[in-house]
Every structure is written in C-alpha cells, then in structure tokens.
Amino acid sequence: MITEDKKVAVLEAIAEFIKFIDARNATFLAERHPGLTPETFEMDGGRKYIRIVTCGLNRHVHCFIDAQTGGVYKAASWKAPALNGERYNLLDEESFAELKAKWDPYGSYLYKR
C-alpha cells in the first residue's frame, strides 16, 4: 500500500519536474526562436498515471508519471502511457539527474535506445 508520505514525495517531484521543463523549454525557444512564446506544462490528474500536458495552442501529452512510484513513461496516446518500460524515476536522484541531462523539448529523451 502506498503511504501518504510517498504520495507527497511524488507530487513534489512532479512539481520540480514541471518547473525544470518549463524553464528549459523557455530557454530553448529564447535561444533558437526568440519570437515564439514558449508553451508551459501542467499536471492533468489521474489515479494511476498523472499526465503532463502542454498548455499552449496545441494541447498535447508530453509524458505520463506513475502516481505511486514517480516513474516517467513516454505517452502512447492521450489516455495511456507506453507500458514497455519506465524511462526515468523522479524519486531516484541519479535517474532524475540523467533525465535532466538528456531532456529536450521534442521528447526524444523518452525513447528507448
């Protein structure tokens, strides 16, 4: 059973992740496309998986995060993650650092290699 502390830790990690991708996306666009307004990201709740979506002209799913473990998954569709393996884990400092190092605005860091 998942504890309340674990739920809080996952939500805090998601908030940190969103803050990170918002900042990196804004920096990327400022450097390469200064005339464009950067999209921001937000959580779209779910019981099992939390959807991370863009809040721009074209709303789309960026990724899914397991609400119990903090696992990051590539999106398979608007409603479901790709269940062929967790890409990163927001609660694991080493994994989160790797995500930050590989992040790009296109989501290619979510593909398995």
C-alpha atoms as a PDB file:
ATOM      1  CA  MET A   1       0.000   0.000   0.000  1.00  0.00           C
ATOM      2  CA  ILE A   2       1.230   3.482  -0.844  1.00  0.00           C
ATOM      3  CA  THR A   3       1.820   5.817   2.079  1.00  0.00           C
ATOM      4  CA  GLU A   4       0.764   9.445   2.277  1.00  0.00           C
ATOM      5  CA  ASP A   5       4.447  10.467   2.507  1.00  0.00           C
ATOM      6  CA  LYS A   6       5.183   8.686  -0.783  1.00  0.00           C
ATOM      7  CA  LYS A   7       2.251  10.436  -2.499  1.00  0.00           C
ATOM      8  CA  VAL A   8       3.521  13.808  -1.272  1.00  0.00           C
ATOM      9  CA  ALA A   9       7.064  12.969  -2.421  1.00  0.00           C
ATOM     10  CA  VAL A  10       5.797  12.065  -5.908  1.00  0.00           C
ATOM     11  CA  LEU A  11       3.744  15.277  -6.178  1.00  0.00           C
ATOM     12  CA  GLU A  12       6.719  17.374  -5.043  1.00  0.00           C
ATOM     13  CA  ALA A  13       8.960  15.637  -7.588  1.00  0.00           C
ATOM     14  CA  ILE A  14       6.396  16.277 -10.329  1.00  0.00           C
ATOM     15  CA  ALA A  15       6.255  19.963  -9.374  1.00  0.00           C
ATOM     16  CA  GLU A  16      10.069  20.129  -9.585  1.00  0.00           C
ATOM     17  CA  PHE A  17       9.985  18.330 -12.957  1.00  0.00           C
ATOM     18  CA  ILE A  18       7.408  20.755 -14.372  1.00  0.00           C
ATOM     19  CA  LYS A  19       9.391  23.741 -13.116  1.00  0.00           C
ATOM     20  CA  PHE A  20      12.509  22.287 -14.768  1.00  0.00           C
ATOM     21  CA  ILE A  21      10.885  21.599 -18.160  1.00  0.00           C
ATOM     22  CA  ASP A  22       9.145  24.998 -18.192  1.00  0.00           C
ATOM     23  CA  ALA A  23      12.486  26.758 -17.631  1.00  0.00           C
ATOM     24  CA  ARG A  24      14.413  24.623 -20.124  1.00  0.00           C
ATOM     25  CA  ASN A  25      11.723  25.000 -22.784  1.00  0.00           C
ATOM     26  CA  ALA A  26      11.676  28.796 -22.344  1.00  0.00           C
ATOM     27  CA  THR A  27      15.482  28.936 -22.615  1.00  0.00           C
ATOM     28  CA  PHE A  28      15.489  26.716 -25.698  1.00  0.00           C
ATOM     29  CA  LEU A  29      12.943  28.877 -27.512  1.00  0.00           C
ATOM     30  CA  ALA A  30      14.592  32.147 -26.472  1.00  0.00           C
ATOM     31  CA  GLU A  31      17.890  30.944 -27.966  1.00  0.00           C
ATOM     32  CA  ARG A  32      16.556  29.388 -31.174  1.00  0.00           C
ATOM     33  CA  HIS A  33      13.181  31.036 -31.838  1.00  0.00           C
ATOM     34  CA  PRO A  34      13.055  34.348 -29.959  1.00  0.00           C
ATOM     35  CA  GLY A  35       9.749  35.430 -31.499  1.00  0.00           C
ATOM     36  CA  LEU A  36       7.799  32.427 -30.206  1.00  0.00           C
ATOM     37  CA  THR A  37       6.009  32.243 -26.881  1.00  0.00           C
ATOM     38  CA  PRO A  38       7.039  29.086 -25.029  1.00  0.00           C
ATOM     39  CA  GLU A  39       4.447  26.534 -24.050  1.00  0.00           C
ATOM     40  CA  THR A  40       4.144  25.740 -20.378  1.00  0.00           C
ATOM     41  CA  PHE A  41       3.437  22.365 -18.840  1.00  0.00           C
ATOM     42  CA  GLU A  42       0.955  21.253 -16.208  1.00  0.00           C
ATOM     43  CA  MET A  43      -0.285  18.159 -14.406  1.00  0.00           C
ATOM     44  CA  ASP A  44      -3.531  16.615 -15.524  1.00  0.00           C
ATOM     45  CA  GLY A  45      -4.614  14.326 -12.690  1.00  0.00           C
ATOM     46  CA  GLY A  46      -5.227  10.647 -12.754  1.00  0.00           C
ATOM     47  CA  ARG A  47      -5.468   7.878 -10.195  1.00  0.00           C
ATOM     48  CA  LYS A  48      -2.697   5.664 -11.523  1.00  0.00           C
ATOM     49  CA  TYR A  49      -0.848   7.875 -14.024  1.00  0.00           C
ATOM     50  CA  ILE A  50      -0.513  11.639 -13.991  1.00  0.00           C
ATOM     51  CA  ARG A  51      -0.484  13.162 -17.445  1.00  0.00           C
ATOM     52  CA  ILE A  52       1.945  16.029 -18.116  1.00  0.00           C
ATOM     53  CA  VAL A  53       0.432  18.208 -20.838  1.00  0.00           C
ATOM     54  CA  THR A  54       1.406  21.380 -22.666  1.00  0.00           C
ATOM     55  CA  CYS A  55      -0.678  24.500 -22.091  1.00  0.00           C
ATOM     56  CA  GLY A  56      -0.326  26.157 -25.436  1.00  0.00           C
ATOM     57  CA  LEU A  57      -2.107  26.494 -28.707  1.00  0.00           C
ATOM     58  CA  ASN A  58      -1.912  22.754 -29.356  1.00  0.00           C
ATOM     59  CA  ARG A  59      -2.538  20.922 -26.085  1.00  0.00           C
ATOM     60  CA  HIS A  60      -0.795  17.556 -26.127  1.00  0.00           C
ATOM     61  CA  VAL A  61       0.594  14.936 -23.759  1.00  0.00           C
ATOM     62  CA  HIS A  62       4.300  15.262 -23.062  1.00  0.00           C
ATOM     63  CA  CYS A  63       4.616  12.198 -20.815  1.00  0.00           C
ATOM     64  CA  PHE A  64       2.978  10.217 -18.024  1.00  0.00           C
ATOM     65  CA  ILE A  65       4.173   9.795 -14.453  1.00  0.00           C
ATOM     66  CA  ASP A  66       3.197   6.888 -12.232  1.00  0.00           C
ATOM     67  CA  ALA A  67       1.362   8.468  -9.285  1.00  0.00           C
ATOM     68  CA  GLN A  68       2.651   5.849  -6.844  1.00  0.00           C
ATOM     69  CA  THR A  69       6.285   5.366  -7.851  1.00  0.00           C
ATOM     70  CA  GLY A  70       7.313   8.533  -9.727  1.00  0.00           C
ATOM     71  CA  GLY A  71       8.195   6.541 -12.845  1.00  0.00           C
ATOM     72  CA  VAL A  72       8.259   8.560 -16.084  1.00  0.00           C
ATOM     73  CA  TYR A  73       6.731   6.981 -19.200  1.00  0.00           C
ATOM     74  CA  LYS A  74       6.515   8.017 -22.837  1.00  0.00           C
ATOM     75  CA  ALA A  75       2.940   8.663 -23.949  1.00  0.00           C
ATOM     76  CA  ALA A  76       1.286   6.046 -26.166  1.00  0.00           C
ATOM     77  CA  SER A  77      -1.872   8.117 -26.590  1.00  0.00           C
ATOM     78  CA  TRP A  78      -3.801  10.897 -24.864  1.00  0.00           C
ATOM     79  CA  LYS A  79      -5.163   8.397 -22.353  1.00  0.00           C
ATOM     80  CA  ALA A  80      -2.347   5.932 -21.778  1.00  0.00           C
ATOM     81  CA  PRO A  81       1.397   5.651 -21.298  1.00  0.00           C
ATOM     82  CA  ALA A  82       3.616   3.330 -23.299  1.00  0.00           C
ATOM     83  CA  LEU A  83       3.868   0.363 -20.967  1.00  0.00           C
ATOM     84  CA  ASN A  84       7.065  -1.053 -22.436  1.00  0.00           C
ATOM     85  CA  GLY A  85       9.127   0.239 -19.559  1.00  0.00           C
ATOM     86  CA  GLU A  86       9.766   3.125 -17.255  1.00  0.00           C
ATOM     87  CA  ARG A  87      12.174   5.645 -18.765  1.00  0.00           C
ATOM     88  CA  TYR A  88      13.200   7.521 -15.608  1.00  0.00           C
ATOM     89  CA  ASN A  89      12.153   7.792 -11.978  1.00  0.00           C
ATOM     90  CA  LEU A  90      11.653  11.187 -10.366  1.00  0.00           C
ATOM     91  CA  LEU A  91      12.235   9.816  -6.854  1.00  0.00           C
ATOM     92  CA  ASP A  92      15.645   8.369  -7.765  1.00  0.00           C
ATOM     93  CA  GLU A  93      18.167  11.231  -7.706  1.00  0.00           C
ATOM     94  CA  GLU A  94      20.507   9.568 -10.212  1.00  0.00           C
ATOM     95  CA  SER A  95      17.677   8.815 -12.645  1.00  0.00           C
ATOM     96  CA  PHE A  96      16.237  12.344 -12.295  1.00  0.00           C
ATOM     97  CA  ALA A  97      19.701  13.820 -12.946  1.00  0.00           C
ATOM     98  CA  GLU A  98      20.009  11.659 -16.082  1.00  0.00           C
ATOM     99  CA  LEU A  99      16.590  12.884 -17.259  1.00  0.00           C
ATOM    100  CA  LYS A 100      17.684  16.488 -16.767  1.00  0.00           C
ATOM    101  CA  ALA A 101      20.896  15.888 -18.705  1.00  0.00           C
ATOM    102  CA  LYS A 102      19.108  14.256 -21.645  1.00  0.00           C
ATOM    103  CA  TRP A 103      15.963  16.437 -21.737  1.00  0.00           C
ATOM    104  CA  ASP A 104      14.992  18.135 -24.987  1.00  0.00           C
ATOM    105  CA  PRO A 105      11.799  19.966 -25.958  1.00  0.00           C
ATOM    106  CA  TYR A 106      10.844  17.332 -28.532  1.00  0.00           C
ATOM    107  CA  GLY A 107      10.535  14.468 -26.054  1.00  0.00           C
ATOM    108  CA  SER A 108      13.174  12.315 -27.699  1.00  0.00           C
ATOM    109  CA  TYR A 109      14.714  11.670 -24.277  1.00  0.00           C
ATOM    110  CA  LEU A 110      11.677   9.451 -23.615  1.00  0.00           C
ATOM    111  CA  TYR A 111      12.507   6.980 -26.399  1.00  0.00           C
ATOM    112  CA  LYS A 112      14.316   3.783 -25.505  1.00  0.00           C
ATOM    113  CA  ARG A 113      17.756   3.411 -27.026  1.00  0.00           C
END
